[in-house]
C-alpha atoms as a PDB file:
ATOM      1  CA  UNK A   1      -4.549  31.915  19.525  1.00  0.00           C
ATOM      2  CA  UNK A   2      -3.287  32.354  16.330  1.00  0.00           C
ATOM      3  CA  UNK A   3      -3.180  29.434  15.438  1.00  0.00           C
ATOM      4  CA  UNK A   4      -6.913  28.189  16.052  1.00  0.00           C
ATOM      5  CA  UNK A   5      -8.079  31.226  13.938  1.00  0.00           C
ATOM      6  CA  UNK A   6      -5.782  30.492  11.087  1.00  0.00           C
ATOM      7  CA  UNK A   7      -7.126  26.795  10.646  1.00  0.00           C
ATOM      8  CA  UNK A   8     -11.141  27.919  11.590  1.00  0.00           C
ATOM      9  CA  UNK A   9     -10.503  30.285   8.538  1.00  0.00           C
ATOM     10  CA  UNK A  10      -8.851  27.446   6.090  1.00  0.00           C
ATOM     11  CA  UNK A  11     -11.372  24.861   7.185  1.00  0.00           C
ATOM     12  CA  UNK A  12     -13.825  28.285   6.463  1.00  0.00           C
ATOM     13  CA  UNK A  13     -11.753  28.904   2.839  1.00  0.00           C
ATOM     14  CA  UNK A  14     -12.520  25.027   1.674  1.00  0.00           C
ATOM     15  CA  UNK A  15     -16.015  24.734   2.838  1.00  0.00           C
ATOM     16  CA  UNK A  16     -16.788  28.253   1.080  1.00  0.00           C
ATOM     17  CA  UNK A  17     -14.562  26.765  -2.096  1.00  0.00           C
ATOM     18  CA  UNK A  18     -16.462  23.713  -1.862  1.00  0.00           C
ATOM     19  CA  UNK A  19     -19.810  24.995  -2.015  1.00  0.00           C
ATOM     20  CA  UNK A  20     -18.567  27.156  -5.155  1.00  0.00           C
ATOM     21  CA  UNK A  21     -17.638  24.171  -6.870  1.00  0.00           C
ATOM     22  CA  UNK A  22     -20.698  22.249  -5.960  1.00  0.00           C
ATOM     23  CA  UNK A  23     -23.175  24.920  -7.450  1.00  0.00           C
ATOM     24  CA  UNK A  24     -21.174  26.289  -9.870  1.00  0.00           C
ATOM     25  CA  UNK A  25     -20.575  29.715  -8.555  1.00  0.00           C
ATOM     26  CA  UNK A  26     -16.995  30.697  -9.697  1.00  0.00           C
ATOM     27  CA  UNK A  27     -16.244  32.065 -13.070  1.00  0.00           C
ATOM     28  CA  UNK A  28     -13.669  29.815 -14.477  1.00  0.00           C
ATOM     29  CA  UNK A  29     -12.890  28.492 -17.728  1.00  0.00           C
ATOM     30  CA  UNK A  30     -13.695  24.690 -18.261  1.00  0.00           C
ATOM     31  CA  UNK A  31     -10.559  22.937 -17.689  1.00  0.00           C
ATOM     32  CA  UNK A  32      -9.800  24.836 -14.795  1.00  0.00           C
ATOM     33  CA  UNK A  33     -13.486  24.066 -12.747  1.00  0.00           C
ATOM     34  CA  UNK A  34     -12.877  20.541 -13.656  1.00  0.00           C
ATOM     35  CA  UNK A  35      -9.626  20.399 -12.453  1.00  0.00           C
ATOM     36  CA  UNK A  36     -11.000  22.551  -9.063  1.00  0.00           C
ATOM     37  CA  UNK A  37     -14.014  20.540  -8.776  1.00  0.00           C
ATOM     38  CA  UNK A  38     -11.465  16.995  -9.124  1.00  0.00           C
ATOM     39  CA  UNK A  39      -8.761  18.442  -6.673  1.00  0.00           C
ATOM     40  CA  UNK A  40     -11.868  19.043  -4.092  1.00  0.00           C
ATOM     41  CA  UNK A  41     -13.609  15.824  -4.705  1.00  0.00           C
ATOM     42  CA  UNK A  42     -17.194  16.888  -6.272  1.00  0.00           C
ATOM     43  CA  UNK A  43     -19.332  13.379  -6.787  1.00  0.00           C
ATOM     44  CA  UNK A  44     -19.564  12.923 -10.292  1.00  0.00           C
ATOM     45  CA  UNK A  45     -16.612  14.446 -11.374  1.00  0.00           C
ATOM     46  CA  UNK A  46     -13.751  11.615 -12.111  1.00  0.00           C
ATOM     47  CA  UNK A  47     -10.124  12.615 -11.858  1.00  0.00           C
ATOM     48  CA  UNK A  48      -8.252  11.819 -15.088  1.00  0.00           C
ATOM     49  CA  UNK A  49      -5.024  11.186 -13.838  1.00  0.00           C
ATOM     50  CA  UNK A  50      -2.077  10.583 -10.716  1.00  0.00           C
ATOM     51  CA  UNK A  51      -1.623  14.095 -10.647  1.00  0.00           C
ATOM     52  CA  UNK A  52      -5.126  14.845 -10.014  1.00  0.00           C
ATOM     53  CA  UNK A  53      -5.299  11.866  -7.480  1.00  0.00           C
ATOM     54  CA  UNK A  54      -1.743  13.464  -5.568  1.00  0.00           C
ATOM     55  CA  UNK A  55      -3.208  16.934  -5.846  1.00  0.00           C
ATOM     56  CA  UNK A  56      -6.073  15.541  -3.850  1.00  0.00           C
ATOM     57  CA  UNK A  57      -4.790  13.917  -1.138  1.00  0.00           C
ATOM     58  CA  UNK A  58      -3.412  16.568  -0.641  1.00  0.00           C
ATOM     59  CA  UNK A  59      -5.824  19.356  -0.102  1.00  0.00           C
ATOM     60  CA  UNK A  60      -7.317  16.858   1.586  1.00  0.00           C
ATOM     61  CA  UNK A  61      -4.485  17.073   4.013  1.00  0.00           C
ATOM     62  CA  UNK A  62      -3.653  13.431   3.585  1.00  0.00           C
ATOM     63  CA  UNK A  63      -0.160  13.874   1.837  1.00  0.00           C
ATOM     64  CA  UNK A  64       2.050  15.875   3.310  1.00  0.00           C
ATOM     65  CA  UNK A  65       5.815  15.390   2.650  1.00  0.00           C
ATOM     66  CA  UNK A  66       7.623  16.262  -0.746  1.00  0.00           C
ATOM     67  CA  UNK A  67       9.060  13.030  -0.873  1.00  0.00           C
ATOM     68  CA  UNK A  68       6.042  11.029  -0.245  1.00  0.00           C
ATOM     69  CA  UNK A  69       4.120  13.009  -3.006  1.00  0.00           C
ATOM     70  CA  UNK A  70       7.024  12.797  -5.384  1.00  0.00           C
ATOM     71  CA  UNK A  71       6.492   9.507  -5.537  1.00  0.00           C
ATOM     72  CA  UNK A  72       3.167   8.728  -5.606  1.00  0.00           C
ATOM     73  CA  UNK A  73       3.088  10.853  -8.991  1.00  0.00           C
ATOM     74  CA  UNK A  74       5.495   8.455 -10.060  1.00  0.00           C
ATOM     75  CA  UNK A  75       3.318   5.451  -9.568  1.00  0.00           C
ATOM     76  CA  UNK A  76       0.833   5.293 -11.576  1.00  0.00           C
ATOM     77  CA  UNK A  77      -2.580   3.662  -9.874  1.00  0.00           C
ATOM     78  CA  UNK A  78      -4.063   3.213 -12.955  1.00  0.00           C
ATOM     79  CA  UNK A  79      -1.316  -0.032 -13.878  1.00  0.00           C
ATOM     80  CA  UNK A  80      -2.253  -1.666 -10.660  1.00  0.00           C
ATOM     81  CA  UNK A  81      -5.923  -2.588 -10.533  1.00  0.00           C
ATOM     82  CA  UNK A  82      -7.944  -5.405 -12.495  1.00  0.00           C
ATOM     83  CA  UNK A  83      -9.009  -3.795 -15.603  1.00  0.00           C
ATOM     84  CA  UNK A  84     -11.519  -6.689 -15.521  1.00  0.00           C
ATOM     85  CA  UNK A  85     -12.408  -6.565 -12.747  1.00  0.00           C
ATOM     86  CA  UNK A  86     -12.666  -2.178 -12.234  1.00  0.00           C
ATOM     87  CA  UNK A  87     -12.993   0.810 -14.878  1.00  0.00           C
ATOM     88  CA  UNK A  88      -9.838   2.226 -15.542  1.00  0.00           C
ATOM     89  CA  UNK A  89     -11.664   5.540 -15.420  1.00  0.00           C
ATOM     90  CA  UNK A  90     -12.341   4.647 -11.785  1.00  0.00           C
ATOM     91  CA  UNK A  91      -8.215   3.957 -11.169  1.00  0.00           C
ATOM     92  CA  UNK A  92      -8.113   7.361  -9.267  1.00  0.00           C
ATOM     93  CA  UNK A  93     -11.044   7.670  -7.581  1.00  0.00           C
ATOM     94  CA  UNK A  94      -9.828   7.527  -3.642  1.00  0.00           C
ATOM     95  CA  UNK A  95     -11.667   3.987  -2.432  1.00  0.00           C
ATOM     96  CA  UNK A  96     -10.753   0.361  -2.692  1.00  0.00           C
ATOM     97  CA  UNK A  97     -11.103  -1.814  -5.863  1.00  0.00           C
ATOM     98  CA  UNK A  98     -11.099  -5.726  -6.182  1.00  0.00           C
ATOM     99  CA  UNK A  99      -8.330  -7.475  -7.941  1.00  0.00           C
ATOM    100  CA  UNK A 100      -9.060 -11.034  -7.656  1.00  0.00           C
ATOM    101  CA  UNK A 101      -8.581 -13.704  -5.768  1.00  0.00           C
ATOM    102  CA  UNK A 102     -11.287 -12.193  -3.002  1.00  0.00           C
ATOM    103  CA  UNK A 103      -8.529  -9.006  -2.362  1.00  0.00           C
ATOM    104  CA  UNK A 104      -8.515  -5.044  -3.256  1.00  0.00           C
ATOM    105  CA  UNK A 105      -6.148  -2.574  -3.615  1.00  0.00           C
ATOM    106  CA  UNK A 106      -6.492   0.082  -0.953  1.00  0.00           C
ATOM    107  CA  UNK A 107      -7.966   3.149  -0.926  1.00  0.00           C
ATOM    108  CA  UNK A 108      -4.987   5.549  -2.294  1.00  0.00           C
ATOM    109  CA  UNK A 109      -5.817   7.692   1.089  1.00  0.00           C
ATOM    110  CA  UNK A 110      -4.628   4.235   2.629  1.00  0.00           C
ATOM    111  CA  UNK A 111      -1.707   4.176   0.904  1.00  0.00           C
ATOM    112  CA  UNK A 112      -0.787   7.502   1.629  1.00  0.00           C
ATOM    113  CA  UNK A 113      -1.010   7.408   5.402  1.00  0.00           C
ATOM    114  CA  UNK A 114       0.852   4.526   5.366  1.00  0.00           C
ATOM    115  CA  UNK A 115       3.729   6.160   3.325  1.00  0.00           C
ATOM    116  CA  UNK A 116       3.790   9.398   5.276  1.00  0.00           C
ATOM    117  CA  UNK A 117       3.672   7.232   9.046  1.00  0.00           C
ATOM    118  CA  UNK A 118       6.765   5.516   7.670  1.00  0.00           C
ATOM    119  CA  UNK A 119       8.433   7.499   5.007  1.00  0.00           C
ATOM    120  CA  UNK A 120      10.874   8.317   8.050  1.00  0.00           C
ATOM    121  CA  UNK A 121      12.125   4.904   8.433  1.00  0.00           C
ATOM    122  CA  UNK A 122      12.025   4.778   4.338  1.00  0.00           C
ATOM    123  CA  UNK A 123      15.324   6.039   3.703  1.00  0.00           C
ATOM    124  CA  UNK A 124      17.731   6.233   0.962  1.00  0.00           C
ATOM    125  CA  UNK A 125      19.527   2.473   1.619  1.00  0.00           C
ATOM    126  CA  UNK A 126      16.851   1.399   3.647  1.00  0.00           C
ATOM    127  CA  UNK A 127      15.303  -2.402   4.410  1.00  0.00           C
ATOM    128  CA  UNK A 128      11.509  -2.218   3.594  1.00  0.00           C
ATOM    129  CA  UNK A 129       8.976  -5.078   3.951  1.00  0.00           C
ATOM    130  CA  UNK A 130       5.001  -5.182   2.597  1.00  0.00           C
ATOM    131  CA  UNK A 131       3.340  -8.085   4.061  1.00  0.00           C
ATOM    132  CA  UNK A 132       0.345  -8.404   1.864  1.00  0.00           C
ATOM    133  CA  UNK A 133       1.557  -7.379  -1.490  1.00  0.00           C
ATOM    134  CA  UNK A 134      -0.888  -7.291  -3.617  1.00  0.00           C
ATOM    135  CA  UNK A 135      -1.136  -5.338  -6.688  1.00  0.00           C
ATOM    136  CA  UNK A 136       2.392  -3.982  -5.773  1.00  0.00           C
ATOM    137  CA  UNK A 137       1.584  -0.852  -6.055  1.00  0.00           C
ATOM    138  CA  UNK A 138       3.429   0.018  -1.934  1.00  0.00           C
ATOM    139  CA  UNK A 139       6.279  -2.025  -2.888  1.00  0.00           C
ATOM    140  CA  UNK A 140       6.961   0.343  -6.235  1.00  0.00           C
ATOM    141  CA  UNK A 141       6.452   3.203  -4.011  1.00  0.00           C
ATOM    142  CA  UNK A 142       8.820   1.862  -1.464  1.00  0.00           C
ATOM    143  CA  UNK A 143      11.309   0.405  -3.570  1.00  0.00           C
ATOM    144  CA  UNK A 144      11.570   4.155  -4.467  1.00  0.00           C
ATOM    145  CA  UNK A 145      11.544   5.715  -1.453  1.00  0.00           C
ATOM    146  CA  UNK A 146      14.559   3.645   0.008  1.00  0.00           C
ATOM    147  CA  UNK A 147      16.845   4.286  -3.658  1.00  0.00           C
ATOM    148  CA  UNK A 148      18.887   2.094  -5.113  1.00  0.00           C
ATOM    149  CA  UNK A 149      20.758   0.752  -2.270  1.00  0.00           C
ATOM    150  CA  UNK A 150      17.920   0.355  -0.010  1.00  0.00           C
ATOM    151  CA  UNK A 151      15.935  -3.420  -0.578  1.00  0.00           C
ATOM    152  CA  UNK A 152      12.152  -3.680  -0.528  1.00  0.00           C
ATOM    153  CA  UNK A 153      10.327  -7.223   0.515  1.00  0.00           C
ATOM    154  CA  UNK A 154       6.976  -8.256  -0.558  1.00  0.00           C
ATOM    155  CA  UNK A 155       5.378 -10.624   0.180  1.00  0.00           C
ATOM    156  CA  UNK A 156       2.310 -12.354  -1.045  1.00  0.00           C
ATOM    157  CA  UNK A 157       0.101 -15.668  -0.183  1.00  0.00           C
ATOM    158  CA  UNK A 158      -1.809 -15.584  -3.288  1.00  0.00           C
ATOM    159  CA  UNK A 159       0.336 -16.719  -6.847  1.00  0.00           C
ATOM    160  CA  UNK A 160      -1.658 -15.250  -9.200  1.00  0.00           C
ATOM    161  CA  UNK A 161      -1.546 -11.767  -7.398  1.00  0.00           C
ATOM    162  CA  UNK A 162       2.628 -12.175  -7.094  1.00  0.00           C
ATOM    163  CA  UNK A 163       2.654 -12.813 -10.354  1.00  0.00           C
ATOM    164  CA  UNK A 164       0.424  -9.787 -11.732  1.00  0.00           C
ATOM    165  CA  UNK A 165       2.064  -7.928  -9.008  1.00  0.00           C
ATOM    166  CA  UNK A 166       5.346  -7.569 -11.437  1.00  0.00           C
ATOM    167  CA  UNK A 167       3.408  -7.411 -14.492  1.00  0.00           C
ATOM    168  CA  UNK A 168       1.574  -4.353 -12.794  1.00  0.00           C
ATOM    169  CA  UNK A 169       5.268  -2.247 -11.499  1.00  0.00           C
ATOM    170  CA  UNK A 170       7.032  -3.432 -15.125  1.00  0.00           C
ATOM    171  CA  UNK A 171       4.151  -0.813 -16.712  1.00  0.00           C
ATOM    172  CA  UNK A 172       3.967   1.453 -14.374  1.00  0.00           C
ATOM    173  CA  UNK A 173       7.960   1.837 -13.090  1.00  0.00           C
ATOM    174  CA  UNK A 174      10.368  -0.013 -15.686  1.00  0.00           C
ATOM    175  CA  UNK A 175      13.174   2.183 -14.092  1.00  0.00           C
ATOM    176  CA  UNK A 176      12.974   0.020 -11.043  1.00  0.00           C
ATOM    177  CA  UNK A 177      13.658  -3.656 -13.328  1.00  0.00           C
ATOM    178  CA  UNK A 178      17.415  -4.114 -14.635  1.00  0.00           C
ATOM    179  CA  UNK A 179      17.315  -3.738 -18.942  1.00  0.00           C
ATOM    180  CA  UNK A 180      16.289  -6.970 -20.133  1.00  0.00           C
ATOM    181  CA  UNK A 181      15.076  -7.721 -17.144  1.00  0.00           C
ATOM    182  CA  UNK A 182      12.277 -11.506 -18.212  1.00  0.00           C
ATOM    183  CA  UNK A 183       8.772 -11.828 -16.467  1.00  0.00           C
ATOM    184  CA  UNK A 184       7.634 -14.565 -15.422  1.00  0.00           C
ATOM    185  CA  UNK A 185       4.548 -15.737 -18.177  1.00  0.00           C
ATOM    186  CA  UNK A 186       2.257 -18.192 -16.357  1.00  0.00           C
ATOM    187  CA  UNK A 187       0.906 -18.120 -12.884  1.00  0.00           C
ATOM    188  CA  UNK A 188       1.673 -22.040 -12.683  1.00  0.00           C
ATOM    189  CA  UNK A 189       5.150 -20.763 -12.398  1.00  0.00           C
ATOM    190  CA  UNK A 190       4.976 -19.317  -9.002  1.00  0.00           C
ATOM    191  CA  UNK A 191       3.171 -23.092  -7.995  1.00  0.00           C
ATOM    192  CA  UNK A 192       5.186 -25.011  -9.937  1.00  0.00           C
ATOM    193  CA  UNK A 193       8.471 -24.218  -7.607  1.00  0.00           C
ATOM    194  CA  UNK A 194       6.556 -25.099  -4.984  1.00  0.00           C
ATOM    195  CA  UNK A 195       6.450 -28.373  -3.034  1.00  0.00           C
ATOM    196  CA  UNK A 196       2.745 -30.247  -2.744  1.00  0.00           C
ATOM    197  CA  UNK A 197       1.254 -30.850  -0.075  1.00  0.00           C
ATOM    198  CA  UNK A 198       1.599 -30.189   3.636  1.00  0.00           C
ATOM    199  CA  UNK A 199       5.499 -28.257   2.302  1.00  0.00           C
ATOM    200  CA  UNK A 200       3.292 -26.106   0.122  1.00  0.00           C
ATOM    201  CA  UNK A 201       2.110 -24.757   3.575  1.00  0.00           C
ATOM    202  CA  UNK A 202       5.499 -22.734   4.810  1.00  0.00           C
ATOM    203  CA  UNK A 203       7.018 -23.117   0.933  1.00  0.00           C
ATOM    204  CA  UNK A 204       8.372 -19.708  -0.286  1.00  0.00           C
ATOM    205  CA  UNK A 205       8.787 -19.165  -4.006  1.00  0.00           C
ATOM    206  CA  UNK A 206      10.576 -16.168  -5.766  1.00  0.00           C
ATOM    207  CA  UNK A 207       8.053 -15.143  -8.672  1.00  0.00           C
ATOM    208  CA  UNK A 208      10.230 -11.618  -9.671  1.00  0.00           C
ATOM    209  CA  UNK A 209      12.629  -8.866  -8.767  1.00  0.00           C
ATOM    210  CA  UNK A 210      13.697  -5.498 -10.067  1.00  0.00           C
ATOM    211  CA  UNK A 211      16.466  -3.522  -9.220  1.00  0.00           C
ATOM    212  CA  UNK A 212      16.583  -3.444  -5.791  1.00  0.00           C
ATOM    213  CA  UNK A 213      12.950  -5.465  -4.362  1.00  0.00           C
ATOM    214  CA  UNK A 214      12.053  -9.008  -4.845  1.00  0.00           C
ATOM    215  CA  UNK A 215       8.121 -10.144  -4.596  1.00  0.00           C
ATOM    216  CA  UNK A 216       7.760 -13.398  -2.765  1.00  0.00           C
ATOM    217  CA  UNK A 217       4.920 -16.362  -3.001  1.00  0.00           C
ATOM    218  CA  UNK A 218       4.328 -16.917   0.428  1.00  0.00           C
ATOM    219  CA  UNK A 219       3.133 -16.252   3.810  1.00  0.00           C
ATOM    220  CA  UNK A 220       4.858 -14.343   6.303  1.00  0.00           C
ATOM    221  CA  UNK A 221       3.343 -15.498   9.749  1.00  0.00           C
ATOM    222  CA  UNK A 222       5.658 -18.438   8.488  1.00  0.00           C
ATOM    223  CA  UNK A 223       9.309 -18.940  10.077  1.00  0.00           C
ATOM    224  CA  UNK A 224      10.239 -17.250   6.170  1.00  0.00           C
ATOM    225  CA  UNK A 225      12.009 -14.278   7.366  1.00  0.00           C
ATOM    226  CA  UNK A 226      13.894 -15.479   9.822  1.00  0.00           C
ATOM    227  CA  UNK A 227      16.703 -15.678   7.322  1.00  0.00           C
ATOM    228  CA  UNK A 228      16.523 -11.641   6.924  1.00  0.00           C
ATOM    229  CA  UNK A 229      18.622  -8.829   8.170  1.00  0.00           C
ATOM    230  CA  UNK A 230      16.018  -6.799  10.030  1.00  0.00           C
ATOM    231  CA  UNK A 231      13.848  -4.709   8.146  1.00  0.00           C
ATOM    232  CA  UNK A 232      13.225  -0.287   9.368  1.00  0.00           C
ATOM    233  CA  UNK A 233       9.781  -0.645   8.270  1.00  0.00           C
ATOM    234  CA  UNK A 234       7.402  -2.510   7.533  1.00  0.00           C
ATOM    235  CA  UNK A 235       3.886  -1.807   6.091  1.00  0.00           C
ATOM    236  CA  UNK A 236       1.075  -4.999   6.494  1.00  0.00           C
ATOM    237  CA  UNK A 237      -1.790  -4.937   4.107  1.00  0.00           C
ATOM    238  CA  UNK A 238      -4.480  -7.156   6.223  1.00  0.00           C
ATOM    239  CA  UNK A 239      -5.728  -7.103   9.272  1.00  0.00           C
ATOM    240  CA  UNK A 240      -4.277  -9.898  11.550  1.00  0.00           C
ATOM    241  CA  UNK A 241      -6.443 -11.282  14.961  1.00  0.00           C
ATOM    242  CA  UNK A 242      -3.508  -9.252  17.643  1.00  0.00           C
ATOM    243  CA  UNK A 243      -0.392  -8.690  16.899  1.00  0.00           C
ATOM    244  CA  UNK A 244       2.102 -11.203  15.331  1.00  0.00           C
ATOM    245  CA  UNK A 245       5.062 -11.848  17.245  1.00  0.00           C
ATOM    246  CA  UNK A 246       6.601 -13.180  13.703  1.00  0.00           C
ATOM    247  CA  UNK A 247       6.747  -9.320  12.046  1.00  0.00           C
ATOM    248  CA  UNK A 248       7.117  -7.976  15.602  1.00  0.00           C
ATOM    249  CA  UNK A 249      10.597  -9.682  15.575  1.00  0.00           C
ATOM    250  CA  UNK A 250      11.480  -8.687  11.740  1.00  0.00           C
ATOM    251  CA  UNK A 251      11.105  -4.793  12.848  1.00  0.00           C
ATOM    252  CA  UNK A 252      14.512  -3.188  13.160  1.00  0.00           C
ATOM    253  CA  UNK A 253      15.689  -1.835  16.502  1.00  0.00           C
ATOM    254  CA  UNK A 254      14.253   2.111  15.801  1.00  0.00           C
ATOM    255  CA  UNK A 255      11.987   1.036  12.840  1.00  0.00           C
ATOM    256  CA  UNK A 256       8.228   1.329  12.503  1.00  0.00           C
ATOM    257  CA  UNK A 257       5.747  -0.516  11.255  1.00  0.00           C
ATOM    258  CA  UNK A 258       1.933  -0.164  10.502  1.00  0.00           C
ATOM    259  CA  UNK A 259      -0.627  -2.964  10.364  1.00  0.00           C
ATOM    260  CA  UNK A 260      -4.509  -3.609  11.766  1.00  0.00           C
ATOM    261  CA  UNK A 261      -5.497  -5.104  14.329  1.00  0.00           C
ATOM    262  CA  UNK A 262      -8.857  -6.659  14.538  1.00  0.00           C
ATOM    263  CA  UNK A 263     -11.492  -9.132  14.603  1.00  0.00           C
ATOM    264  CA  UNK A 264     -12.343 -10.226  10.499  1.00  0.00           C
ATOM    265  CA  UNK A 265     -14.613  -8.594   8.343  1.00  0.00           C
ATOM    266  CA  UNK A 266     -15.132  -5.523  10.765  1.00  0.00           C
ATOM    267  CA  UNK A 267     -13.351  -2.886  12.077  1.00  0.00           C
ATOM    268  CA  UNK A 268     -10.001  -2.927  12.912  1.00  0.00           C
ATOM    269  CA  UNK A 269      -7.457  -0.192  14.134  1.00  0.00           C
ATOM    270  CA  UNK A 270      -4.836   0.726  12.663  1.00  0.00           C
ATOM    271  CA  UNK A 271      -1.374   0.463  15.022  1.00  0.00           C
ATOM    272  CA  UNK A 272       1.126   1.799  14.822  1.00  0.00           C
ATOM    273  CA  UNK A 273       4.129   0.088  16.042  1.00  0.00           C
ATOM    274  CA  UNK A 274       7.684   1.273  17.122  1.00  0.00           C
ATOM    275  CA  UNK A 275      10.600  -0.776  18.444  1.00  0.00           C
ATOM    276  CA  UNK A 276      13.285   1.073  20.666  1.00  0.00           C
ATOM    277  CA  UNK A 277      16.250   0.803  20.571  1.00  0.00           C
ATOM    278  CA  UNK A 278      17.120  -2.010  23.442  1.00  0.00           C
ATOM    279  CA  UNK A 279      14.388  -3.430  21.447  1.00  0.00           C
ATOM    280  CA  UNK A 280      11.319  -2.715  23.601  1.00  0.00           C
ATOM    281  CA  UNK A 281       7.962  -2.523  21.677  1.00  0.00           C
ATOM    282  CA  UNK A 282       5.428  -0.072  21.667  1.00  0.00           C
ATOM    283  CA  UNK A 283       2.027   0.279  20.146  1.00  0.00           C
ATOM    284  CA  UNK A 284      -1.183   2.908  19.289  1.00  0.00           C
ATOM    285  CA  UNK A 285      -3.850   2.940  17.631  1.00  0.00           C
ATOM    286  CA  UNK A 286      -4.241   6.082  15.081  1.00  0.00           C
ATOM    287  CA  UNK A 287      -7.315   5.038  13.019  1.00  0.00           C
ATOM    288  CA  UNK A 288     -10.321   2.714  12.638  1.00  0.00           C
ATOM    289  CA  UNK A 289      -9.551   0.522   9.214  1.00  0.00           C
ATOM    290  CA  UNK A 290     -11.201  -1.995   7.280  1.00  0.00           C
ATOM    291  CA  UNK A 291      -9.746  -4.596   5.834  1.00  0.00           C
ATOM    292  CA  UNK A 292      -8.937  -7.721   4.109  1.00  0.00           C
ATOM    293  CA  UNK A 293      -7.375 -10.525   7.340  1.00  0.00           C
ATOM    294  CA  UNK A 294      -3.912 -12.257   7.041  1.00  0.00           C
ATOM    295  CA  UNK A 295      -4.062 -15.303   7.906  1.00  0.00           C
ATOM    296  CA  UNK A 296      -1.412 -18.127   8.799  1.00  0.00           C
ATOM    297  CA  UNK A 297      -0.877 -21.214   6.487  1.00  0.00           C
ATOM    298  CA  UNK A 298      -4.051 -23.865   6.375  1.00  0.00           C
ATOM    299  CA  UNK A 299      -6.169 -20.740   7.523  1.00  0.00           C
ATOM    300  CA  UNK A 300      -9.326 -19.732   5.646  1.00  0.00           C
ATOM    301  CA  UNK A 301     -10.498 -15.689   5.746  1.00  0.00           C
ATOM    302  CA  UNK A 302     -13.799 -16.619   7.470  1.00  0.00           C
ATOM    303  CA  UNK A 303     -11.656 -18.314  10.033  1.00  0.00           C
ATOM    304  CA  UNK A 304     -12.344 -21.574   9.772  1.00  0.00           C
ATOM    305  CA  UNK A 305      -8.953 -24.165   9.132  1.00  0.00           C
ATOM    306  CA  UNK A 306      -8.874 -25.745   5.216  1.00  0.00           C
ATOM    307  CA  UNK A 307      -8.870 -29.555   4.558  1.00  0.00           C
END
């Protein structure tokens, strides 16, 4: 068919250009050559800006929606990495990076994929949930997509990461804060508001908020979401052993959730979950992924109970 022929030509053209770039067989000035090499992901050439990273994801076919492209250009990944663990010049490479406490910031193509899958539900005025919000990167992107009349809730179980994510968003997206908004000054703040002992396992503490978003320190697999209105879009940034009933219940009729499900420290399936207007739920796998575990209270990441 005509469509098949066009697709084959695009593939051949992509491979031809990539081969020419790898062998320096294109007659271009140095800045243009470097820009193209970064765009095509040629090894040994690091991208140097968020715009170059987004262009790379567009050319890979991961990013298609102009809205998502615009937002990802506005939320600079360099502010969300942990510079003590990863060099700044690696911020725009397409792979996960450690951010501390055994957690990672996902590879940019996974962030892009999640936003593309949810973007029809991340409309102005929508409510969104980011479970395992970690660095805060997707929380910030979601906040920009739902606009000032929307609401995004980020939930993070590690208090240090929850606190750091507020600072990350402040640096990258000051427009998501009301003028003069304070930031918590110490990781102990997140802990000090939570009770000690068994009650701490299900405690919920607001670490910070902005114009249309909040970050909570807590565990989304408790009853913490029962008092929240349902969410039109849910992203889960850690792998569940099985589909969590708590998160399915938090999904609004007509809503969509993206969640990795499968065994720990192995490959999982990225699942697309949709809830019908009548409350019926259907899901199907999209691709193989590898995420850190989504744990329940008192549960260690290796599956054993703490204590």
